[in-house]
Amino acid sequence: MAVLIKRAYADAAPDDGCRVLVDRLWPRGVSRERAALTLWLKDAAPSPALRTWWGHDPARLGEFAARYRAELASDPAAVAAVERLRALAASNPTLTLVYGARDPQVNHAAVLRDYLADSSD
């Protein structure tokens, strides 16, 4: 299963495969045509309370990742979203998780990608 992450502000490419937006909010200034999404899975994103607490603070990334993973494993809507992502990854050569955050290393999509890889074993 090839799961990639890519900013919503980067151009879509044919090798992105199945593109899924994993944010609760639509990325500002990105048209639906430019986003070229297969699906928008809001429930795969962190809860609003967790996202607000984190504030994309790199110093909180470890604690954020632990809390986000707990949400992904326990919240029924998040569990369903993860299962949908697993199904898409199984039926497509490439799954690209699209996110709006600025930092390519400090973002929830990277945590989600790692969670999908860890839980697929």
PDB file of N, CA and C in Angstrom:
ATOM      1  N   MET A   1       0.848  -1.162   0.000  1.00  0.00           N
ATOM      2  CA  MET A   1       0.000   0.000   0.000  1.00  0.00           C
ATOM      3  C   MET A   1       0.895   1.226   0.000  1.00  0.00           C
ATOM      4  N   ALA A   2       0.811   2.036  -1.039  1.00  0.00           N
ATOM      5  CA  ALA A   2       1.576   3.281  -1.141  1.00  0.00           C
ATOM      6  C   ALA A   2       0.678   4.430  -0.709  1.00  0.00           C
ATOM      7  N   VAL A   3       0.984   5.010   0.442  1.00  0.00           N
ATOM      8  CA  VAL A   3       0.227   6.143   0.948  1.00  0.00           C
ATOM      9  C   VAL A   3       1.175   7.339   1.012  1.00  0.00           C
ATOM     10  N   LEU A   4       0.817   8.382   0.261  1.00  0.00           N
ATOM     11  CA  LEU A   4       1.609   9.602   0.206  1.00  0.00           C
ATOM     12  C   LEU A   4       0.830  10.732   0.857  1.00  0.00           C
ATOM     13  N   ILE A   5       1.528  11.820   1.172  1.00  0.00           N
ATOM     14  CA  ILE A   5       0.853  13.030   1.628  1.00  0.00           C
ATOM     15  C   ILE A   5       1.268  14.175   0.712  1.00  0.00           C
ATOM     16  N   LYS A   6       0.346  15.134   0.533  1.00  0.00           N
ATOM     17  CA  LYS A   6       0.632  16.251  -0.361  1.00  0.00           C
ATOM     18  C   LYS A   6      -0.223  17.443   0.049  1.00  0.00           C
ATOM     19  N   ARG A   7       0.380  18.622   0.011  1.00  0.00           N
ATOM     20  CA  ARG A   7      -0.367  19.833   0.319  1.00  0.00           C
ATOM     21  C   ARG A   7      -1.443  20.092  -0.725  1.00  0.00           C
ATOM     22  N   ALA A   8      -2.544  20.614  -0.278  1.00  0.00           N
ATOM     23  CA  ALA A   8      -3.640  20.953  -1.188  1.00  0.00           C
ATOM     24  C   ALA A   8      -3.240  22.053  -2.157  1.00  0.00           C
ATOM     25  N   TYR A   9      -2.218  22.834  -1.799  1.00  0.00           N
ATOM     26  CA  TYR A   9      -1.782  23.951  -2.631  1.00  0.00           C
ATOM     27  C   TYR A   9      -0.777  23.529  -3.701  1.00  0.00           C
ATOM     28  N   ALA A  10      -0.310  22.287  -3.641  1.00  0.00           N
ATOM     29  CA  ALA A  10       0.568  21.746  -4.684  1.00  0.00           C
ATOM     30  C   ALA A  10      -0.311  21.213  -5.813  1.00  0.00           C
ATOM     31  N   ASP A  11       0.188  21.291  -7.024  1.00  0.00           N
ATOM     32  CA  ASP A  11      -0.586  20.807  -8.169  1.00  0.00           C
ATOM     33  C   ASP A  11      -0.803  19.303  -8.089  1.00  0.00           C
ATOM     34  N   ALA A  12      -1.991  18.883  -8.490  1.00  0.00           N
ATOM     35  CA  ALA A  12      -2.282  17.451  -8.587  1.00  0.00           C
ATOM     36  C   ALA A  12      -1.451  16.862  -9.713  1.00  0.00           C
ATOM     37  N   ALA A  13      -1.072  15.600  -9.545  1.00  0.00           N
ATOM     38  CA  ALA A  13      -0.274  14.910 -10.560  1.00  0.00           C
ATOM     39  C   ALA A  13      -0.891  13.539 -10.823  1.00  0.00           C
ATOM     40  N   PRO A  14      -0.711  13.014 -12.027  1.00  0.00           N
ATOM     41  CA  PRO A  14      -1.273  11.696 -12.337  1.00  0.00           C
ATOM     42  C   PRO A  14      -0.789  10.596 -11.388  1.00  0.00           C
ATOM     43  N   ASP A  15       0.459  10.709 -10.904  1.00  0.00           N
ATOM     44  CA  ASP A  15       0.968   9.660 -10.020  1.00  0.00           C
ATOM     45  C   ASP A  15       0.481   9.814  -8.579  1.00  0.00           C
ATOM     46  N   ASP A  16      -0.400  10.791  -8.301  1.00  0.00           N
ATOM     47  CA  ASP A  16      -1.014  10.909  -6.980  1.00  0.00           C
ATOM     48  C   ASP A  16      -2.022   9.789  -6.746  1.00  0.00           C
ATOM     49  N   GLY A  17      -2.521   9.213  -7.806  1.00  0.00           N
ATOM     50  CA  GLY A  17      -3.528   8.160  -7.667  1.00  0.00           C
ATOM     51  C   GLY A  17      -4.817   8.708  -7.093  1.00  0.00           C
ATOM     52  N   CYS A  18      -5.343   8.024  -6.107  1.00  0.00           N
ATOM     53  CA  CYS A  18      -6.580   8.407  -5.429  1.00  0.00           C
ATOM     54  C   CYS A  18      -6.259   9.524  -4.435  1.00  0.00           C
ATOM     55  N   ARG A  19      -6.843  10.707  -4.642  1.00  0.00           N
ATOM     56  CA  ARG A  19      -6.552  11.876  -3.795  1.00  0.00           C
ATOM     57  C   ARG A  19      -7.705  12.110  -2.823  1.00  0.00           C
ATOM     58  N   VAL A  20      -7.381  12.093  -1.521  1.00  0.00           N
ATOM     59  CA  VAL A  20      -8.403  12.258  -0.494  1.00  0.00           C
ATOM     60  C   VAL A  20      -8.023  13.418   0.421  1.00  0.00           C
ATOM     61  N   LEU A  21      -8.891  14.415   0.496  1.00  0.00           N
ATOM     62  CA  LEU A  21      -8.687  15.522   1.423  1.00  0.00           C
ATOM     63  C   LEU A  21      -9.032  15.030   2.821  1.00  0.00           C
ATOM     64  N   VAL A  22      -8.084  15.191   3.759  1.00  0.00           N
ATOM     65  CA  VAL A  22      -8.268  14.707   5.128  1.00  0.00           C
ATOM     66  C   VAL A  22      -8.263  15.868   6.125  1.00  0.00           C
ATOM     67  N   ASP A  23      -8.883  16.971   5.762  1.00  0.00           N
ATOM     68  CA  ASP A  23      -9.054  18.143   6.622  1.00  0.00           C
ATOM     69  C   ASP A  23     -10.543  18.371   6.840  1.00  0.00           C
ATOM     70  N   ARG A  24     -10.882  18.944   7.974  1.00  0.00           N
ATOM     71  CA  ARG A  24     -12.288  19.287   8.234  1.00  0.00           C
ATOM     72  C   ARG A  24     -12.703  20.547   7.481  1.00  0.00           C
ATOM     73  N   LEU A  25     -11.736  21.419   7.216  1.00  0.00           N
ATOM     74  CA  LEU A  25     -12.012  22.666   6.519  1.00  0.00           C
ATOM     75  C   LEU A  25     -11.436  22.622   5.106  1.00  0.00           C
ATOM     76  N   TRP A  26     -12.172  23.204   4.168  1.00  0.00           N
ATOM     77  CA  TRP A  26     -11.677  23.269   2.798  1.00  0.00           C
ATOM     78  C   TRP A  26     -10.484  24.228   2.755  1.00  0.00           C
ATOM     79  N   PRO A  27      -9.397  23.875   2.041  1.00  0.00           N
ATOM     80  CA  PRO A  27      -8.237  24.766   1.958  1.00  0.00           C
ATOM     81  C   PRO A  27      -8.585  26.081   1.257  1.00  0.00           C
ATOM     82  N   ARG A  28      -8.281  27.168   1.908  1.00  0.00           N
ATOM     83  CA  ARG A  28      -8.613  28.502   1.412  1.00  0.00           C
ATOM     84  C   ARG A  28      -7.954  28.759   0.059  1.00  0.00           C
ATOM     85  N   GLY A  29      -8.746  29.219  -0.899  1.00  0.00           N
ATOM     86  CA  GLY A  29      -8.219  29.613  -2.198  1.00  0.00           C
ATOM     87  C   GLY A  29      -7.993  28.485  -3.183  1.00  0.00           C
ATOM     88  N   VAL A  30      -8.364  27.266  -2.832  1.00  0.00           N
ATOM     89  CA  VAL A  30      -8.177  26.122  -3.731  1.00  0.00           C
ATOM     90  C   VAL A  30      -9.537  25.750  -4.316  1.00  0.00           C
ATOM     91  N   SER A  31      -9.633  25.771  -5.641  1.00  0.00           N
ATOM     92  CA  SER A  31     -10.901  25.397  -6.279  1.00  0.00           C
ATOM     93  C   SER A  31     -11.054  23.875  -6.266  1.00  0.00           C
ATOM     94  N   ARG A  32     -12.262  23.443  -6.408  1.00  0.00           N
ATOM     95  CA  ARG A  32     -12.521  21.994  -6.454  1.00  0.00           C
ATOM     96  C   ARG A  32     -11.844  21.366  -7.673  1.00  0.00           C
ATOM     97  N   GLU A  33     -11.795  22.112  -8.768  1.00  0.00           N
ATOM     98  CA  GLU A  33     -11.139  21.591  -9.971  1.00  0.00           C
ATOM     99  C   GLU A  33      -9.636  21.424  -9.723  1.00  0.00           C
ATOM    100  N   ARG A  34      -9.024  22.429  -9.121  1.00  0.00           N
ATOM    101  CA  ARG A  34      -7.581  22.359  -8.863  1.00  0.00           C
ATOM    102  C   ARG A  34      -7.256  21.263  -7.842  1.00  0.00           C
ATOM    103  N   ALA A  35      -8.124  21.063  -6.875  1.00  0.00           N
ATOM    104  CA  ALA A  35      -7.883  20.044  -5.854  1.00  0.00           C
ATOM    105  C   ALA A  35      -7.892  18.640  -6.460  1.00  0.00           C
ATOM    106  N   ALA A  36      -8.706  18.430  -7.481  1.00  0.00           N
ATOM    107  CA  ALA A  36      -8.781  17.147  -8.191  1.00  0.00           C
ATOM    108  C   ALA A  36      -8.903  15.973  -7.223  1.00  0.00           C
ATOM    109  N   LEU A  37      -9.882  16.058  -6.330  1.00  0.00           N
ATOM    110  CA  LEU A  37     -10.046  15.037  -5.301  1.00  0.00           C
ATOM    111  C   LEU A  37     -10.926  13.891  -5.754  1.00  0.00           C
ATOM    112  N   THR A  38     -10.631  12.746  -5.210  1.00  0.00           N
ATOM    113  CA  THR A  38     -11.502  11.587  -5.346  1.00  0.00           C
ATOM    114  C   THR A  38     -12.583  11.648  -4.269  1.00  0.00           C
ATOM    115  N   LEU A  39     -12.179  12.151  -3.086  1.00  0.00           N
ATOM    116  CA  LEU A  39     -13.056  12.117  -1.919  1.00  0.00           C
ATOM    117  C   LEU A  39     -12.591  13.153  -0.902  1.00  0.00           C
ATOM    118  N   TRP A  40     -13.528  13.618  -0.086  1.00  0.00           N
ATOM    119  CA  TRP A  40     -13.206  14.488   1.046  1.00  0.00           C
ATOM    120  C   TRP A  40     -13.684  13.761   2.295  1.00  0.00           C
ATOM    121  N   LEU A  41     -12.759  13.318   3.131  1.00  0.00           N
ATOM    122  CA  LEU A  41     -13.089  12.587   4.353  1.00  0.00           C
ATOM    123  C   LEU A  41     -12.810  13.470   5.573  1.00  0.00           C
ATOM    124  N   LYS A  42     -13.776  14.264   5.951  1.00  0.00           N
ATOM    125  CA  LYS A  42     -13.614  15.169   7.095  1.00  0.00           C
ATOM    126  C   LYS A  42     -13.370  14.404   8.393  1.00  0.00           C
ATOM    127  N   ASP A  43     -13.987  13.237   8.526  1.00  0.00           N
ATOM    128  CA  ASP A  43     -13.881  12.485   9.771  1.00  0.00           C
ATOM    129  C   ASP A  43     -12.515  11.841   9.983  1.00  0.00           C
ATOM    130  N   ALA A  44     -11.641  11.890   8.977  1.00  0.00           N
ATOM    131  CA  ALA A  44     -10.277  11.394   9.144  1.00  0.00           C
ATOM    132  C   ALA A  44      -9.378  12.448   9.774  1.00  0.00           C
ATOM    133  N   ALA A  45      -9.863  13.671   9.872  1.00  0.00           N
ATOM    134  CA  ALA A  45      -9.089  14.777  10.444  1.00  0.00           C
ATOM    135  C   ALA A  45      -9.222  14.767  11.966  1.00  0.00           C
ATOM    136  N   PRO A  46      -8.290  15.417  12.654  1.00  0.00           N
ATOM    137  CA  PRO A  46      -8.426  15.544  14.109  1.00  0.00           C
ATOM    138  C   PRO A  46      -9.683  16.315  14.478  1.00  0.00           C
ATOM    139  N   SER A  47     -10.194  16.041  15.665  1.00  0.00           N
ATOM    140  CA  SER A  47     -11.363  16.780  16.143  1.00  0.00           C
ATOM    141  C   SER A  47     -11.013  18.261  16.238  1.00  0.00           C
ATOM    142  N   PRO A  48     -12.015  19.132  16.133  1.00  0.00           N
ATOM    143  CA  PRO A  48     -11.732  20.566  16.277  1.00  0.00           C
ATOM    144  C   PRO A  48     -11.041  20.902  17.602  1.00  0.00           C
ATOM    145  N   ALA A  49     -11.434  20.256  18.681  1.00  0.00           N
ATOM    146  CA  ALA A  49     -10.815  20.536  19.979  1.00  0.00           C
ATOM    147  C   ALA A  49      -9.338  20.153  19.980  1.00  0.00           C
ATOM    148  N   LEU A  50      -9.010  18.999  19.405  1.00  0.00           N
ATOM    149  CA  LEU A  50      -7.611  18.563  19.354  1.00  0.00           C
ATOM    150  C   LEU A  50      -6.795  19.474  18.445  1.00  0.00           C
ATOM    151  N   ARG A  51      -7.349  19.837  17.312  1.00  0.00           N
ATOM    152  CA  ARG A  51      -6.645  20.715  16.371  1.00  0.00           C
ATOM    153  C   ARG A  51      -6.376  22.081  17.012  1.00  0.00           C
ATOM    154  N   THR A  52      -7.345  22.605  17.741  1.00  0.00           N
ATOM    155  CA  THR A  52      -7.168  23.889  18.422  1.00  0.00           C
ATOM    156  C   THR A  52      -6.101  23.780  19.507  1.00  0.00           C
ATOM    157  N   TRP A  53      -6.145  22.715  20.297  1.00  0.00           N
ATOM    158  CA  TRP A  53      -5.143  22.515  21.349  1.00  0.00           C
ATOM    159  C   TRP A  53      -3.734  22.467  20.761  1.00  0.00           C
ATOM    160  N   TRP A  54      -3.572  21.732  19.664  1.00  0.00           N
ATOM    161  CA  TRP A  54      -2.253  21.544  19.064  1.00  0.00           C
ATOM    162  C   TRP A  54      -1.718  22.835  18.456  1.00  0.00           C
ATOM    163  N   GLY A  55      -2.517  23.497  17.647  1.00  0.00           N
ATOM    164  CA  GLY A  55      -2.105  24.729  16.993  1.00  0.00           C
ATOM    165  C   GLY A  55      -0.895  24.582  16.087  1.00  0.00           C
ATOM    166  N   HIS A  56      -0.624  23.383  15.607  1.00  0.00           N
ATOM    167  CA  HIS A  56       0.525  23.076  14.746  1.00  0.00           C
ATOM    168  C   HIS A  56       1.857  23.446  15.398  1.00  0.00           C
ATOM    169  N   ASP A  57       1.897  23.379  16.720  1.00  0.00           N
ATOM    170  CA  ASP A  57       3.109  23.663  17.481  1.00  0.00           C
ATOM    171  C   ASP A  57       4.034  22.450  17.398  1.00  0.00           C
ATOM    172  N   PRO A  58       5.204  22.575  16.765  1.00  0.00           N
ATOM    173  CA  PRO A  58       6.117  21.433  16.644  1.00  0.00           C
ATOM    174  C   PRO A  58       6.490  20.813  17.990  1.00  0.00           C
ATOM    175  N   ALA A  59       6.525  21.613  19.045  1.00  0.00           N
ATOM    176  CA  ALA A  59       6.872  21.091  20.368  1.00  0.00           C
ATOM    177  C   ALA A  59       5.795  20.150  20.910  1.00  0.00           C
ATOM    178  N   ARG A  60       4.571  20.271  20.414  1.00  0.00           N
ATOM    179  CA  ARG A  60       3.464  19.423  20.870  1.00  0.00           C
ATOM    180  C   ARG A  60       3.192  18.249  19.922  1.00  0.00           C
ATOM    181  N   LEU A  61       4.000  18.073  18.905  1.00  0.00           N
ATOM    182  CA  LEU A  61       3.718  17.053  17.893  1.00  0.00           C
ATOM    183  C   LEU A  61       3.602  15.651  18.490  1.00  0.00           C
ATOM    184  N   GLY A  62       4.504  15.282  19.380  1.00  0.00           N
ATOM    185  CA  GLY A  62       4.458  13.946  19.973  1.00  0.00           C
ATOM    186  C   GLY A  62       3.166  13.687  20.730  1.00  0.00           C
ATOM    187  N   GLU A  63       2.773  14.627  21.572  1.00  0.00           N
ATOM    188  CA  GLU A  63       1.521  14.494  22.331  1.00  0.00           C
ATOM    189  C   GLU A  63       0.319  14.552  21.396  1.00  0.00           C
ATOM    190  N   PHE A  64       0.384  15.438  20.404  1.00  0.00           N
ATOM    191  CA  PHE A  64      -0.698  15.514  19.417  1.00  0.00           C
ATOM    192  C   PHE A  64      -0.867  14.174  18.710  1.00  0.00           C
ATOM    193  N   ALA A  65       0.239  13.587  18.248  1.00  0.00           N
ATOM    194  CA  ALA A  65       0.178  12.314  17.525  1.00  0.00           C
ATOM    195  C   ALA A  65      -0.469  11.228  18.384  1.00  0.00           C
ATOM    196  N   ALA A  66      -0.109  11.176  19.665  1.00  0.00           N
ATOM    197  CA  ALA A  66      -0.696  10.171  20.562  1.00  0.00           C
ATOM    198  C   ALA A  66      -2.202  10.397  20.722  1.00  0.00           C
ATOM    199  N   ARG A  67      -2.596  11.648  20.903  1.00  0.00           N
ATOM    200  CA  ARG A  67      -4.030  11.947  21.070  1.00  0.00           C
ATOM    201  C   ARG A  67      -4.807  11.698  19.776  1.00  0.00           C
ATOM    202  N   TYR A  68      -4.203  12.061  18.650  1.00  0.00           N
ATOM    203  CA  TYR A  68      -4.864  11.861  17.355  1.00  0.00           C
ATOM    204  C   TYR A  68      -5.025  10.370  17.064  1.00  0.00           C
ATOM    205  N   ARG A  69      -3.988   9.590  17.323  1.00  0.00           N
ATOM    206  CA  ARG A  69      -4.079   8.144  17.135  1.00  0.00           C
ATOM    207  C   ARG A  69      -5.185   7.549  18.014  1.00  0.00           C
ATOM    208  N   ALA A  70      -5.319   8.056  19.234  1.00  0.00           N
ATOM    209  CA  ALA A  70      -6.390   7.584  20.118  1.00  0.00           C
ATOM    210  C   ALA A  70      -7.755   7.907  19.524  1.00  0.00           C
ATOM    211  N   GLU A  71      -7.904   9.109  18.953  1.00  0.00           N
ATOM    212  CA  GLU A  71      -9.164   9.460  18.287  1.00  0.00           C
ATOM    213  C   GLU A  71      -9.438   8.536  17.107  1.00  0.00           C
ATOM    214  N   LEU A  72      -8.413   8.289  16.310  1.00  0.00           N
ATOM    215  CA  LEU A  72      -8.586   7.436  15.131  1.00  0.00           C
ATOM    216  C   LEU A  72      -9.011   6.024  15.506  1.00  0.00           C
ATOM    217  N   ALA A  73      -8.596   5.572  16.681  1.00  0.00           N
ATOM    218  CA  ALA A  73      -8.905   4.213  17.116  1.00  0.00           C
ATOM    219  C   ALA A  73     -10.223   4.102  17.879  1.00  0.00           C
ATOM    220  N   SER A  74     -10.727   5.230  18.418  1.00  0.00           N
ATOM    221  CA  SER A  74     -11.889   5.120  19.304  1.00  0.00           C
ATOM    222  C   SER A  74     -13.143   5.848  18.826  1.00  0.00           C
ATOM    223  N   ASP A  75     -12.998   6.937  18.112  1.00  0.00           N
ATOM    224  CA  ASP A  75     -14.166   7.680  17.644  1.00  0.00           C
ATOM    225  C   ASP A  75     -14.812   6.918  16.492  1.00  0.00           C
ATOM    226  N   PRO A  76     -16.091   6.573  16.599  1.00  0.00           N
ATOM    227  CA  PRO A  76     -16.727   5.757  15.552  1.00  0.00           C
ATOM    228  C   PRO A  76     -16.627   6.352  14.146  1.00  0.00           C
ATOM    229  N   ALA A  77     -16.793   7.669  14.020  1.00  0.00           N
ATOM    230  CA  ALA A  77     -16.698   8.293  12.695  1.00  0.00           C
ATOM    231  C   ALA A  77     -15.276   8.216  12.163  1.00  0.00           C
ATOM    232  N   ALA A  78     -14.288   8.402  13.030  1.00  0.00           N
ATOM    233  CA  ALA A  78     -12.886   8.312  12.615  1.00  0.00           C
ATOM    234  C   ALA A  78     -12.525   6.878  12.240  1.00  0.00           C
ATOM    235  N   VAL A  79     -13.014   5.914  12.998  1.00  0.00           N
ATOM    236  CA  VAL A  79     -12.759   4.504  12.688  1.00  0.00           C
ATOM    237  C   VAL A  79     -13.313   4.171  11.302  1.00  0.00           C
ATOM    238  N   ALA A  80     -14.520   4.639  11.012  1.00  0.00           N
ATOM    239  CA  ALA A  80     -15.119   4.405   9.687  1.00  0.00           C
ATOM    240  C   ALA A  80     -14.299   5.076   8.593  1.00  0.00           C
ATOM    241  N   ALA A  81     -13.806   6.283   8.859  1.00  0.00           N
ATOM    242  CA  ALA A  81     -12.977   6.984   7.869  1.00  0.00           C
ATOM    243  C   ALA A  81     -11.681   6.237   7.616  1.00  0.00           C
ATOM    244  N   VAL A  82     -11.058   5.722   8.670  1.00  0.00           N
ATOM    245  CA  VAL A  82      -9.823   4.944   8.518  1.00  0.00           C
ATOM    246  C   VAL A  82     -10.087   3.684   7.704  1.00  0.00           C
ATOM    247  N   GLU A  83     -11.187   3.021   7.965  1.00  0.00           N
ATOM    248  CA  GLU A  83     -11.529   1.828   7.185  1.00  0.00           C
ATOM    249  C   GLU A  83     -11.743   2.172   5.710  1.00  0.00           C
ATOM    250  N   ARG A  84     -12.354   3.306   5.458  1.00  0.00           N
ATOM    251  CA  ARG A  84     -12.551   3.744   4.064  1.00  0.00           C
ATOM    252  C   ARG A  84     -11.207   4.020   3.402  1.00  0.00           C
ATOM    253  N   LEU A  85     -10.284   4.652   4.127  1.00  0.00           N
ATOM    254  CA  LEU A  85      -8.941   4.902   3.593  1.00  0.00           C
ATOM    255  C   LEU A  85      -8.204   3.600   3.326  1.00  0.00           C
ATOM    256  N   ARG A  86      -8.336   2.647   4.223  1.00  0.00           N
ATOM    257  CA  ARG A  86      -7.697   1.329   4.013  1.00  0.00           C
ATOM    258  C   ARG A  86      -8.248   0.653   2.757  1.00  0.00           C
ATOM    259  N   ALA A  87      -9.548   0.741   2.561  1.00  0.00           N
ATOM    260  CA  ALA A  87     -10.159   0.144   1.373  1.00  0.00           C
ATOM    261  C   ALA A  87      -9.662   0.833   0.106  1.00  0.00           C
ATOM    262  N   LEU A  88      -9.571   2.149   0.132  1.00  0.00           N
ATOM    263  CA  LEU A  88      -9.053   2.882  -1.022  1.00  0.00           C
ATOM    264  C   LEU A  88      -7.592   2.520  -1.294  1.00  0.00           C
ATOM    265  N   ALA A  89      -6.808   2.392  -0.242  1.00  0.00           N
ATOM    266  CA  ALA A  89      -5.396   2.031  -0.408  1.00  0.00           C
ATOM    267  C   ALA A  89      -5.255   0.626  -0.976  1.00  0.00           C
ATOM    268  N   ALA A  90      -6.156  -0.261  -0.585  1.00  0.00           N
ATOM    269  CA  ALA A  90      -6.092  -1.644  -1.073  1.00  0.00           C
ATOM    270  C   ALA A  90      -6.514  -1.762  -2.532  1.00  0.00           C
ATOM    271  N   SER A  91      -7.367  -0.847  -2.980  1.00  0.00           N
ATOM    272  CA  SER A  91      -7.894  -0.955  -4.341  1.00  0.00           C
ATOM    273  C   SER A  91      -7.256   0.020  -5.329  1.00  0.00           C
ATOM    274  N   ASN A  92      -6.264   0.786  -4.881  1.00  0.00           N
ATOM    275  CA  ASN A  92      -5.576   1.745  -5.744  1.00  0.00           C
ATOM    276  C   ASN A  92      -4.071   1.599  -5.565  1.00  0.00           C
ATOM    277  N   PRO A  93      -3.316   1.747  -6.633  1.00  0.00           N
ATOM    278  CA  PRO A  93      -1.857   1.639  -6.496  1.00  0.00           C
ATOM    279  C   PRO A  93      -1.269   2.708  -5.579  1.00  0.00           C
ATOM    280  N   THR A  94      -1.873   3.891  -5.583  1.00  0.00           N
ATOM    281  CA  THR A  94      -1.385   4.987  -4.743  1.00  0.00           C
ATOM    282  C   THR A  94      -2.566   5.721  -4.126  1.00  0.00           C
ATOM    283  N   LEU A  95      -2.444   6.016  -2.845  1.00  0.00           N
ATOM    284  CA  LEU A  95      -3.409   6.836  -2.133  1.00  0.00           C
ATOM    285  C   LEU A  95      -2.662   8.062  -1.638  1.00  0.00           C
ATOM    286  N   THR A  96      -3.142   9.246  -1.993  1.00  0.00           N
ATOM    287  CA  THR A  96      -2.516  10.485  -1.549  1.00  0.00           C
ATOM    288  C   THR A  96      -3.449  11.206  -0.598  1.00  0.00           C
ATOM    289  N   LEU A  97      -2.963  11.408   0.624  1.00  0.00           N
ATOM    290  CA  LEU A  97      -3.705  12.159   1.636  1.00  0.00           C
ATOM    291  C   LEU A  97      -3.384  13.640   1.434  1.00  0.00           C
ATOM    292  N   VAL A  98      -4.401  14.413   1.130  1.00  0.00           N
ATOM    293  CA  VAL A  98      -4.242  15.832   0.824  1.00  0.00           C
ATOM    294  C   VAL A  98      -4.596  16.632   2.073  1.00  0.00           C
ATOM    295  N   TYR A  99      -3.741  17.616   2.404  1.00  0.00           N
ATOM    296  CA  TYR A  99      -3.915  18.411   3.617  1.00  0.00           C
ATOM    297  C   TYR A  99      -3.618  19.881   3.311  1.00  0.00           C
ATOM    298  N   GLY A 100      -4.063  20.761   4.181  1.00  0.00           N
ATOM    299  CA  GLY A 100      -3.873  22.186   3.950  1.00  0.00           C
ATOM    300  C   GLY A 100      -2.779  22.832   4.776  1.00  0.00           C
ATOM    301  N   ALA A 101      -2.225  22.163   5.755  1.00  0.00           N
ATOM    302  CA  ALA A 101      -1.212  22.755   6.639  1.00  0.00           C
ATOM    303  C   ALA A 101       0.010  23.208   5.845  1.00  0.00           C
ATOM    304  N   ARG A 102       0.737  24.171   6.406  1.00  0.00           N
ATOM    305  CA  ARG A 102       1.909  24.727   5.719  1.00  0.00           C
ATOM    306  C   ARG A 102       3.127  23.819   5.791  1.00  0.00           C
ATOM    307  N   ASP A 103       3.346  23.206   6.942  1.00  0.00           N
ATOM    308  CA  ASP A 103       4.573  22.449   7.184  1.00  0.00           C
ATOM    309  C   ASP A 103       4.437  21.016   6.666  1.00  0.00           C
ATOM    310  N   PRO A 104       5.319  20.577   5.766  1.00  0.00           N
ATOM    311  CA  PRO A 104       5.210  19.220   5.210  1.00  0.00           C
ATOM    312  C   PRO A 104       5.603  18.114   6.203  1.00  0.00           C
ATOM    313  N   GLN A 105       6.257  18.466   7.316  1.00  0.00           N
ATOM    314  CA  GLN A 105       6.613  17.457   8.311  1.00  0.00           C
ATOM    315  C   GLN A 105       5.702  17.512   9.543  1.00  0.00           C
ATOM    316  N   VAL A 106       5.288  18.695   9.927  1.00  0.00           N
ATOM    317  CA  VAL A 106       4.475  18.874  11.130  1.00  0.00           C
ATOM    318  C   VAL A 106       3.032  19.109  10.693  1.00  0.00           C
ATOM    319  N   ASN A 107       2.323  18.001  10.472  1.00  0.00           N
ATOM    320  CA  ASN A 107       0.925  18.075  10.070  1.00  0.00           C
ATOM    321  C   ASN A 107       0.230  16.767  10.404  1.00  0.00           C
ATOM    322  N   HIS A 108      -1.070  16.810  10.486  1.00  0.00           N
ATOM    323  CA  HIS A 108      -1.821  15.616  10.874  1.00  0.00           C
ATOM    324  C   HIS A 108      -1.817  14.541   9.783  1.00  0.00           C
ATOM    325  N   ALA A 109      -1.673  14.926   8.524  1.00  0.00           N
ATOM    326  CA  ALA A 109      -1.674  13.928   7.442  1.00  0.00           C
ATOM    327  C   ALA A 109      -0.484  12.987   7.569  1.00  0.00           C
ATOM    328  N   ALA A 110       0.661  13.495   8.027  1.00  0.00           N
ATOM    329  CA  ALA A 110       1.830  12.632   8.240  1.00  0.00           C
ATOM    330  C   ALA A 110       1.543  11.626   9.349  1.00  0.00           C
ATOM    331  N   VAL A 111       0.875  12.081  10.406  1.00  0.00           N
ATOM    332  CA  VAL A 111       0.509  11.175  11.500  1.00  0.00           C
ATOM    333  C   VAL A 111      -0.482  10.127  10.978  1.00  0.00           C
ATOM    334  N   LEU A 112      -1.458  10.555  10.201  1.00  0.00           N
ATOM    335  CA  LEU A 112      -2.453   9.638   9.643  1.00  0.00           C
ATOM    336  C   LEU A 112      -1.802   8.624   8.707  1.00  0.00           C
ATOM    337  N   ARG A 113      -0.892   9.076   7.852  1.00  0.00           N
ATOM    338  CA  ARG A 113      -0.174   8.155   6.962  1.00  0.00           C
ATOM    339  C   ARG A 113       0.557   7.096   7.773  1.00  0.00           C
ATOM    340  N   ASP A 114       1.267   7.509   8.816  1.00  0.00           N
ATOM    341  CA  ASP A 114       1.990   6.567   9.657  1.00  0.00           C
ATOM    342  C   ASP A 114       1.045   5.628  10.392  1.00  0.00           C
ATOM    343  N   TYR A 115      -0.087   6.148  10.832  1.00  0.00           N
ATOM    344  CA  TYR A 115      -1.093   5.325  11.509  1.00  0.00           C
ATOM    345  C   TYR A 115      -1.611   4.238  10.561  1.00  0.00           C
ATOM    346  N   LEU A 116      -1.897   4.608   9.330  1.00  0.00           N
ATOM    347  CA  LEU A 116      -2.375   3.622   8.348  1.00  0.00           C
ATOM    348  C   LEU A 116      -1.318   2.552   8.102  1.00  0.00           C
ATOM    349  N   ALA A 117      -0.052   2.962   8.008  1.00  0.00           N
ATOM    350  CA  ALA A 117       1.043   2.002   7.790  1.00  0.00           C
ATOM    351  C   ALA A 117       1.210   1.079   9.004  1.00  0.00           C
ATOM    352  N   ASP A 118       1.162   1.662  10.204  1.00  0.00           N
ATOM    353  CA  ASP A 118       1.341   0.869  11.428  1.00  0.00           C
ATOM    354  C   ASP A 118       0.199  -0.111  11.640  1.00  0.00           C
ATOM    355  N   SER A 119      -1.003   0.308  11.325  1.00  0.00           N
ATOM    356  CA  SER A 119      -2.177  -0.531  11.601  1.00  0.00           C
ATOM    357  C   SER A 119      -2.472  -1.524  10.480  1.00  0.00           C
ATOM    358  N   SER A 120      -1.692  -1.476   9.401  1.00  0.00           N
ATOM    359  CA  SER A 120      -1.947  -2.404   8.297  1.00  0.00           C
ATOM    360  C   SER A 120      -1.158  -3.694   8.443  1.00  0.00           C
ATOM    361  N   ASP A 121      -0.260  -3.756   9.435  1.00  0.00           N
ATOM    362  CA  ASP A 121       0.561  -4.958   9.618  1.00  0.00           C
ATOM    363  C   ASP A 121      -0.239  -6.110  10.205  1.00  0.00           C
TER     364      ASP A 121
END
